[in-house]
Amino acid sequence: MDVNGKIIRGEFDHLNGEFVLNQIKHFTTQSTLNKDQLDTIFYYLNNHKDEGDGQILTLNEQMLVWLSEEESNQFIEDLNQIRKFYQ
């Protein structure tokens, strides 16, 4: 199932129970996340969502992507929608 959120794009693979992340903001990536990994990111961002400086993500262990506070909140919303597919 294709997922086109506000910040992320990807595909949920029901057969394997994984989310394949293809894009964050306008950056292309290829990462596969299981439920525990997705939950870890969700809870971390949710616990730090009120930090005014935003958050920095690392893509492919080499590219830094800055998320403003608003983008971080949008990312949390996207992840929350994906988390529903695991249930």
N, C-alpha and C. Protein backbone atom coordinates (compact mmCIF):
# COMPACT_ATOMS: atom_id res chain seq x y z
N MET A 1 0.84 -1.17 0.00
CA MET A 1 0.00 0.00 0.00
C MET A 1 0.89 1.24 0.00
N ASP A 2 0.66 2.14 -0.93
CA ASP A 2 1.43 3.36 -1.02
C ASP A 2 1.04 4.34 0.08
N VAL A 3 2.03 5.02 0.62
CA VAL A 3 1.82 6.02 1.66
C VAL A 3 2.43 7.32 1.16
N ASN A 4 1.62 8.35 1.05
CA ASN A 4 2.07 9.67 0.65
C ASN A 4 1.68 10.65 1.74
N GLY A 5 2.56 10.80 2.72
CA GLY A 5 2.29 11.68 3.83
C GLY A 5 2.75 13.10 3.54
N LYS A 6 2.73 13.92 4.56
CA LYS A 6 3.16 15.31 4.43
C LYS A 6 4.67 15.43 4.30
N ILE A 7 5.41 14.54 4.95
CA ILE A 7 6.87 14.58 4.96
C ILE A 7 7.48 13.34 4.32
N ILE A 8 6.82 12.20 4.46
CA ILE A 8 7.42 10.96 3.98
C ILE A 8 6.56 10.28 2.93
N ARG A 9 7.25 9.50 2.10
CA ARG A 9 6.59 8.68 1.10
C ARG A 9 7.21 7.29 1.16
N GLY A 10 6.38 6.31 0.91
CA GLY A 10 6.89 4.95 0.92
C GLY A 10 5.78 3.96 0.63
N GLU A 11 6.05 2.72 1.00
CA GLU A 11 5.09 1.66 0.75
C GLU A 11 5.08 0.69 1.92
N PHE A 12 3.87 0.36 2.37
CA PHE A 12 3.76 -0.61 3.44
C PHE A 12 3.59 -1.99 2.83
N ASP A 13 4.44 -2.91 3.23
CA ASP A 13 4.43 -4.29 2.76
C ASP A 13 3.72 -5.15 3.81
N HIS A 14 2.44 -5.43 3.58
CA HIS A 14 1.65 -6.22 4.53
C HIS A 14 2.20 -7.64 4.68
N LEU A 15 2.67 -8.19 3.60
CA LEU A 15 3.16 -9.56 3.61
C LEU A 15 4.33 -9.74 4.58
N ASN A 16 5.27 -8.79 4.56
CA ASN A 16 6.45 -8.87 5.42
C ASN A 16 6.34 -8.02 6.69
N GLY A 17 5.28 -7.24 6.81
CA GLY A 17 5.11 -6.39 7.98
C GLY A 17 6.18 -5.32 8.09
N GLU A 18 6.50 -4.69 6.95
CA GLU A 18 7.57 -3.68 6.92
C GLU A 18 7.11 -2.45 6.15
N PHE A 19 7.69 -1.33 6.51
CA PHE A 19 7.46 -0.10 5.76
C PHE A 19 8.74 0.24 5.02
N VAL A 20 8.62 0.41 3.72
CA VAL A 20 9.76 0.78 2.89
C VAL A 20 9.68 2.29 2.66
N LEU A 21 10.60 3.00 3.29
CA LEU A 21 10.66 4.46 3.21
C LEU A 21 11.42 4.85 1.95
N ASN A 22 10.78 5.63 1.08
CA ASN A 22 11.39 6.03 -0.19
C ASN A 22 11.80 7.50 -0.25
N GLN A 23 11.13 8.33 0.56
CA GLN A 23 11.42 9.76 0.49
C GLN A 23 11.10 10.44 1.81
N ILE A 24 12.00 11.34 2.23
CA ILE A 24 11.77 12.23 3.36
C ILE A 24 11.97 13.64 2.85
N LYS A 25 10.96 14.46 3.03
CA LYS A 25 10.93 15.79 2.43
C LYS A 25 11.14 15.61 0.93
N HIS A 26 12.16 16.15 0.37
CA HIS A 26 12.42 15.97 -1.07
C HIS A 26 13.66 15.11 -1.32
N PHE A 27 14.14 14.42 -0.28
CA PHE A 27 15.31 13.57 -0.38
C PHE A 27 14.89 12.11 -0.60
N THR A 28 15.51 11.47 -1.57
CA THR A 28 15.24 10.08 -1.87
C THR A 28 16.11 9.19 -0.99
N THR A 29 15.50 8.14 -0.49
CA THR A 29 16.20 7.17 0.36
C THR A 29 15.60 5.80 0.11
N GLN A 30 16.19 4.80 0.66
CA GLN A 30 15.65 3.44 0.58
C GLN A 30 15.94 2.76 1.92
N SER A 31 14.97 2.80 2.81
CA SER A 31 15.12 2.20 4.13
C SER A 31 13.90 1.35 4.44
N THR A 32 14.14 0.20 5.02
CA THR A 32 13.05 -0.68 5.42
C THR A 32 12.95 -0.67 6.93
N LEU A 33 11.75 -0.38 7.42
CA LEU A 33 11.53 -0.26 8.86
C LEU A 33 10.51 -1.29 9.33
N ASN A 34 10.89 -2.04 10.36
CA ASN A 34 9.90 -2.93 10.97
C ASN A 34 9.13 -2.14 12.02
N LYS A 35 8.18 -2.78 12.67
CA LYS A 35 7.33 -2.08 13.64
C LYS A 35 8.14 -1.46 14.78
N ASP A 36 9.09 -2.20 15.33
CA ASP A 36 9.88 -1.69 16.45
C ASP A 36 10.71 -0.46 16.05
N GLN A 37 11.29 -0.49 14.88
CA GLN A 37 12.09 0.64 14.40
C GLN A 37 11.21 1.87 14.18
N LEU A 38 10.06 1.66 13.57
CA LEU A 38 9.15 2.77 13.32
C LEU A 38 8.65 3.35 14.63
N ASP A 39 8.31 2.47 15.59
CA ASP A 39 7.86 2.95 16.91
C ASP A 39 8.95 3.74 17.62
N THR A 40 10.19 3.28 17.52
CA THR A 40 11.31 3.98 18.16
C THR A 40 11.43 5.40 17.63
N ILE A 41 11.35 5.56 16.32
CA ILE A 41 11.43 6.90 15.72
C ILE A 41 10.23 7.73 16.15
N PHE A 42 9.04 7.14 16.11
CA PHE A 42 7.82 7.85 16.50
C PHE A 42 7.91 8.37 17.93
N TYR A 43 8.28 7.48 18.86
CA TYR A 43 8.33 7.90 20.27
C TYR A 43 9.42 8.93 20.53
N TYR A 44 10.55 8.79 19.87
CA TYR A 44 11.62 9.78 20.05
C TYR A 44 11.15 11.15 19.58
N LEU A 45 10.61 11.23 18.38
CA LEU A 45 10.15 12.52 17.86
C LEU A 45 9.00 13.08 18.70
N ASN A 46 8.10 12.21 19.12
CA ASN A 46 6.97 12.66 19.93
C ASN A 46 7.44 13.22 21.28
N ASN A 47 8.46 12.59 21.87
CA ASN A 47 8.98 13.07 23.16
C ASN A 47 9.80 14.35 23.03
N HIS A 48 10.23 14.69 21.82
CA HIS A 48 11.05 15.89 21.61
C HIS A 48 10.38 16.90 20.69
N LYS A 49 9.07 16.78 20.51
CA LYS A 49 8.37 17.62 19.54
C LYS A 49 8.29 19.10 19.93
N ASP A 50 8.47 19.41 21.20
CA ASP A 50 8.35 20.80 21.64
C ASP A 50 9.69 21.54 21.62
N GLU A 51 10.73 20.89 21.12
CA GLU A 51 12.02 21.56 21.03
C GLU A 51 12.00 22.50 19.83
N GLY A 52 12.17 23.77 20.09
CA GLY A 52 12.05 24.80 19.06
C GLY A 52 13.06 24.72 17.94
N ASP A 53 14.17 24.04 18.18
CA ASP A 53 15.22 23.97 17.15
C ASP A 53 14.95 22.90 16.11
N GLY A 54 13.92 22.09 16.29
CA GLY A 54 13.62 21.01 15.35
C GLY A 54 14.49 19.80 15.61
N GLN A 55 14.59 18.94 14.61
CA GLN A 55 15.34 17.69 14.72
C GLN A 55 16.18 17.48 13.47
N ILE A 56 17.23 16.72 13.61
CA ILE A 56 18.07 16.36 12.48
C ILE A 56 18.03 14.85 12.31
N LEU A 57 17.69 14.41 11.10
CA LEU A 57 17.68 12.99 10.76
C LEU A 57 18.90 12.68 9.92
N THR A 58 19.36 11.47 9.99
CA THR A 58 20.46 11.02 9.15
C THR A 58 19.91 10.01 8.15
N LEU A 59 20.09 10.28 6.87
CA LEU A 59 19.67 9.36 5.82
C LEU A 59 20.87 8.58 5.33
N ASN A 60 20.69 7.29 5.23
CA ASN A 60 21.73 6.42 4.70
C ASN A 60 23.07 6.61 5.41
N GLU A 61 23.01 6.97 6.67
CA GLU A 61 24.20 7.16 7.52
C GLU A 61 25.19 8.18 6.97
N GLN A 62 24.71 9.10 6.12
CA GLN A 62 25.63 10.07 5.57
C GLN A 62 25.03 11.44 5.29
N MET A 63 23.73 11.55 5.07
CA MET A 63 23.15 12.84 4.73
C MET A 63 22.28 13.32 5.89
N LEU A 64 22.54 14.54 6.34
CA LEU A 64 21.75 15.13 7.42
C LEU A 64 20.56 15.90 6.83
N VAL A 65 19.39 15.68 7.43
CA VAL A 65 18.17 16.36 6.99
C VAL A 65 17.57 17.05 8.21
N TRP A 66 17.45 18.36 8.14
CA TRP A 66 16.88 19.13 9.25
C TRP A 66 15.37 19.20 9.09
N LEU A 67 14.66 18.94 10.19
CA LEU A 67 13.22 19.09 10.25
C LEU A 67 12.89 20.22 11.21
N SER A 68 12.14 21.21 10.73
CA SER A 68 11.68 22.26 11.62
C SER A 68 10.71 21.66 12.63
N GLU A 69 10.32 22.44 13.61
CA GLU A 69 9.36 21.94 14.60
C GLU A 69 8.05 21.52 13.91
N GLU A 70 7.60 22.31 12.95
CA GLU A 70 6.38 22.00 12.22
C GLU A 70 6.55 20.72 11.38
N GLU A 71 7.69 20.59 10.70
CA GLU A 71 7.95 19.39 9.91
C GLU A 71 8.07 18.15 10.80
N SER A 72 8.66 18.32 11.96
CA SER A 72 8.77 17.23 12.91
C SER A 72 7.38 16.75 13.34
N ASN A 73 6.48 17.69 13.58
CA ASN A 73 5.10 17.34 13.94
C ASN A 73 4.38 16.64 12.78
N GLN A 74 4.65 17.09 11.55
CA GLN A 74 4.06 16.45 10.38
C GLN A 74 4.62 15.04 10.21
N PHE A 75 5.90 14.88 10.49
CA PHE A 75 6.54 13.56 10.42
C PHE A 75 5.88 12.62 11.43
N ILE A 76 5.61 13.11 12.64
CA ILE A 76 4.94 12.32 13.67
C ILE A 76 3.56 11.89 13.19
N GLU A 77 2.82 12.80 12.56
CA GLU A 77 1.50 12.47 12.02
C GLU A 77 1.61 11.37 10.97
N ASP A 78 2.59 11.50 10.08
CA ASP A 78 2.79 10.48 9.04
C ASP A 78 3.10 9.12 9.67
N LEU A 79 4.02 9.11 10.63
CA LEU A 79 4.38 7.85 11.29
C LEU A 79 3.19 7.24 12.02
N ASN A 80 2.38 8.07 12.63
CA ASN A 80 1.21 7.58 13.34
C ASN A 80 0.24 6.89 12.38
N GLN A 81 0.10 7.43 11.18
CA GLN A 81 -0.77 6.80 10.18
C GLN A 81 -0.20 5.44 9.75
N ILE A 82 1.11 5.37 9.59
CA ILE A 82 1.76 4.11 9.19
C ILE A 82 1.66 3.08 10.30
N ARG A 83 1.77 3.51 11.55
CA ARG A 83 1.69 2.59 12.68
C ARG A 83 0.37 1.82 12.68
N LYS A 84 -0.69 2.41 12.15
CA LYS A 84 -2.00 1.75 12.10
C LYS A 84 -1.98 0.52 11.20
N PHE A 85 -1.09 0.50 10.20
CA PHE A 85 -1.01 -0.64 9.29
C PHE A 85 -0.46 -1.87 9.99
N TYR A 86 0.30 -1.70 11.06
CA TYR A 86 0.89 -2.83 11.78
C TYR A 86 -0.12 -3.55 12.64
N GLN A 87 -1.27 -2.97 12.88
CA GLN A 87 -2.24 -3.57 13.79
C GLN A 87 -3.12 -4.57 13.09
